[in-house]
């Protein structure tokens, strides 16, 4: 693997860890409003789809969906 690929993988890992921590911190009773999930995605520069995928893995339900992103 090239150093560029390694750097990309490392960046994804770091942002994934940040996202995991943020989702767990922000969710209440296993739920997170859509608007807040979108804010996290934008702040961490992560696609909405990835936020939704990790939320599913963590058992966090996205609520009050506004755009159908998750």
Foldseek 3Di string as FASTA:
>chain_A
DDVVVVVVVVLVVVLVVVLLVVCVVQADPLEHEPVVLVVSCVVSVHQSVVSVVVSVVVSRYYPPDDPPSD
